[in-house]
Amino acid sequence: MDRLKGVEYFKRIYELGSFTAAADEFHCSNAVISKYVRFLESWTGSKLINRNTRTISFTDEGERFYTYCLSIIEQTSEMLDSVADTGDLSGELVIASPVSLSMKVMAPLIFQFRQAYPQLTIRLQMSDQLTSLVGSGVDLAIRGIGSPEDSSLIAVRLGALERVLVASPMYLASAGTPLTVEDLRQHQCLIYSLSTDAKSWEFVPAGAAGRSHAPFSVAVSGPLVADNSLVLVDAAVAGLGIALVPRAYIRQELADDKLRKLELDALPARRSIYAVYSDRHYLPRRARLFIDFLRASLESG
């Protein structure tokens, strides 16, 4: 039997906690999975999995064998990478990313990356909720937070988005134009509910070196709270209030004078973007190359 295939099967059984889930992922039967487990146990001379009709658990030897599986798969991947032509990148790259970021930033970059690697298939999962990376089939998640919810995850900073304060000409004509960050307390502000600063917007002192200074917060409130930035953009265009959004989301609205950028006595703090992946999985070469591409693109743009 194919030992490497058995190693791959065992790895996913361990991570998914289920023979059935592993069989579904590999499009084979439970009987095939079980046969490979018996083969591995015969090969190692150790019982690796305790299994009854409802649950499975791993012996001490099984726990150690899982670590061995990770090492074998990583070494095999590195060996293949060392002889692979970068132009032959193929397979499926699965990315999870917030909706607004996907539509305004990620999608154009994905299109560029795909043109460079025409044999690659990219599956983009858009959601404003955090996607679990364990057992989900997702290679990497793009997030605006640098501290993953799970200590087993790794976050790589890709770059930062410039954020701007904007409002419609209609709103400014009726409510006046704020000149300082303190003025925002008297204005209708549109709140992004999933932001780490949510109802307290972060700023840094204005000036050439301002962005390296420690940020400070100003409490804001307003008529709309939403978990999607593009909804807030539409609300700002409609005259509901002031929005704090990445400049990349509103280039057209600024060009069409549907929104105007506010110049205050401090600058909105930039928001970093991270690629998050699990260190319990070997990171596919296509994912590593995509991360490198994103870093180069976001740092330059």
Foldseek 3Di string as FASTA:
>chain_A
DDLLVLLVLLLLCVLVQDLCLSCVVVVHDSVVNVVSQVVVCVVVVHNAWDDDPPGIDGDPVVVVSSVVSQVVVQVVQVVCVVPDDPQADADEAEEEEEDLCCVLPVVVLVVVLCVSHVRYHYHYHYHLDDDDQGSPPHLKYKDLDQDDPDPQKHKDWQAWFFKFKKAAPVLCVVPNADAAPQCQQVWAEAFQCPDPCTQWFWWFADDDCGQVDDIDTDGHHHDYYYNDQVVVVVCRLVNRTMYIGGCSSCVVCCVVRSMDTHHYRTGGHITIMIMMGGPSHNRRPSNVVSSVSSSVVRHVD
